[in-house]
Amino acid sequence: MSNEIHRCNTRDNNNLHLPIVSLSKFNEGAYFSGINVFNHLPEYIKNLSNQKCLTSSLKSFLYQHSFP
């Protein structure tokens, strides 16, 4: 996460860093796509600690929104 790399309080502070790679196949893979989906989630879902609440909130959010 960005807050582990620098201590500045920025708006992308809770986002995961995307790895820098030169292969385009890696950029289209599940690992890279998963990080992109996580980074586009709202903060209230990222901050949930209870797995049951996280799962239900994530499912309902993904049903209502689609990602490119």
C-alpha atoms as a PDB file:
ATOM      1  CA  MET A   1       0.000   0.000   0.000  1.00  0.00           C
ATOM      2  CA  SER A   2       1.058   3.560  -0.577  1.00  0.00           C
ATOM      3  CA  ASN A   3       0.991   4.452   3.118  1.00  0.00           C
ATOM      4  CA  GLU A   4       3.795   1.930   3.737  1.00  0.00           C
ATOM      5  CA  ILE A   5       6.065   3.616   1.192  1.00  0.00           C
ATOM      6  CA  HIS A   6       5.586   7.247   2.210  1.00  0.00           C
ATOM      7  CA  ARG A   7       3.972   8.880   5.209  1.00  0.00           C
ATOM      8  CA  CYS A   8       2.198  11.719   3.362  1.00  0.00           C
ATOM      9  CA  ASN A   9      -1.554  11.730   3.768  1.00  0.00           C
ATOM     10  CA  THR A  10      -2.673  11.615   0.131  1.00  0.00           C
ATOM     11  CA  ARG A  11      -5.984  10.614  -1.400  1.00  0.00           C
ATOM     12  CA  ASP A  12      -4.457   7.429  -2.883  1.00  0.00           C
ATOM     13  CA  ASN A  13      -2.870   6.527   0.422  1.00  0.00           C
ATOM     14  CA  ASN A  14      -4.821   3.230   0.755  1.00  0.00           C
ATOM     15  CA  ASN A  15      -4.311   2.024  -2.819  1.00  0.00           C
ATOM     16  CA  LEU A  16      -2.032  -0.832  -3.810  1.00  0.00           C
ATOM     17  CA  HIS A  17       0.929  -0.154  -6.076  1.00  0.00           C
ATOM     18  CA  LEU A  18       0.844  -1.671  -9.528  1.00  0.00           C
ATOM     19  CA  PRO A  19       4.028  -3.543 -10.427  1.00  0.00           C
ATOM     20  CA  ILE A  20       6.090  -2.096 -13.262  1.00  0.00           C
ATOM     21  CA  VAL A  21       6.606  -4.790 -15.885  1.00  0.00           C
ATOM     22  CA  SER A  22       7.506  -4.836 -19.542  1.00  0.00           C
ATOM     23  CA  LEU A  23       5.303  -7.760 -20.612  1.00  0.00           C
ATOM     24  CA  SER A  24       1.842  -6.830 -21.833  1.00  0.00           C
ATOM     25  CA  LYS A  25       0.538 -10.317 -20.982  1.00  0.00           C
ATOM     26  CA  PHE A  26       1.230  -9.643 -17.319  1.00  0.00           C
ATOM     27  CA  ASN A  27      -0.758  -6.393 -17.515  1.00  0.00           C
ATOM     28  CA  GLU A  28      -3.792  -8.339 -18.740  1.00  0.00           C
ATOM     29  CA  GLY A  29      -3.549 -11.057 -16.077  1.00  0.00           C
ATOM     30  CA  ALA A  30      -5.571 -11.705 -12.927  1.00  0.00           C
ATOM     31  CA  TYR A  31      -2.982 -10.264 -10.504  1.00  0.00           C
ATOM     32  CA  PHE A  32      -2.825  -6.912 -12.272  1.00  0.00           C
ATOM     33  CA  SER A  33      -6.616  -6.789 -12.779  1.00  0.00           C
ATOM     34  CA  GLY A  34      -7.248  -7.616  -9.119  1.00  0.00           C
ATOM     35  CA  ILE A  35      -5.098  -4.694  -7.992  1.00  0.00           C
ATOM     36  CA  ASN A  36      -6.967  -2.384 -10.396  1.00  0.00           C
ATOM     37  CA  VAL A  37     -10.348  -3.510  -9.060  1.00  0.00           C
ATOM     38  CA  PHE A  38      -9.190  -3.070  -5.446  1.00  0.00           C
ATOM     39  CA  ASN A  39      -7.886   0.431  -6.169  1.00  0.00           C
ATOM     40  CA  HIS A  40     -11.273   1.444  -7.619  1.00  0.00           C
ATOM     41  CA  LEU A  41     -13.263   0.271  -4.594  1.00  0.00           C
ATOM     42  CA  PRO A  42     -14.672   2.934  -2.252  1.00  0.00           C
ATOM     43  CA  GLU A  43     -12.870   3.524   1.036  1.00  0.00           C
ATOM     44  CA  TYR A  44     -15.678   2.122   3.183  1.00  0.00           C
ATOM     45  CA  ILE A  45     -15.220  -1.304   1.567  1.00  0.00           C
ATOM     46  CA  LYS A  46     -11.403  -1.201   1.765  1.00  0.00           C
ATOM     47  CA  ASN A  47     -11.571  -0.454   5.497  1.00  0.00           C
ATOM     48  CA  LEU A  48     -13.905  -3.315   6.496  1.00  0.00           C
ATOM     49  CA  SER A  49     -12.214  -5.813   8.796  1.00  0.00           C
ATOM     50  CA  ASN A  50     -15.023  -8.354   9.318  1.00  0.00           C
ATOM     51  CA  GLN A  51     -14.851 -10.895   6.479  1.00  0.00           C
ATOM     52  CA  LYS A  52     -18.602 -11.502   6.390  1.00  0.00           C
ATOM     53  CA  CYS A  53     -19.351  -7.771   6.067  1.00  0.00           C
ATOM     54  CA  LEU A  54     -16.556  -7.380   3.513  1.00  0.00           C
ATOM     55  CA  THR A  55     -17.875 -10.223   1.366  1.00  0.00           C
ATOM     56  CA  SER A  56     -21.470  -9.017   1.346  1.00  0.00           C
ATOM     57  CA  SER A  57     -20.489  -5.370   0.728  1.00  0.00           C
ATOM     58  CA  LEU A  58     -18.093  -6.345  -2.052  1.00  0.00           C
ATOM     59  CA  LYS A  59     -20.661  -8.559  -3.781  1.00  0.00           C
ATOM     60  CA  SER A  60     -23.368  -5.921  -3.713  1.00  0.00           C
ATOM     61  CA  PHE A  61     -20.947  -3.235  -4.924  1.00  0.00           C
ATOM     62  CA  LEU A  62     -19.683  -5.380  -7.816  1.00  0.00           C
ATOM     63  CA  TYR A  63     -23.238  -6.281  -8.853  1.00  0.00           C
ATOM     64  CA  GLN A  64     -24.121  -2.596  -9.117  1.00  0.00           C
ATOM     65  CA  HIS A  65     -20.892  -1.378 -10.794  1.00  0.00           C
ATOM     66  CA  SER A  66     -18.819  -2.673 -13.659  1.00  0.00           C
ATOM     67  CA  PHE A  67     -15.149  -2.081 -14.297  1.00  0.00           C
ATOM     68  CA  PRO A  68     -13.486  -1.523 -17.671  1.00  0.00           C
END
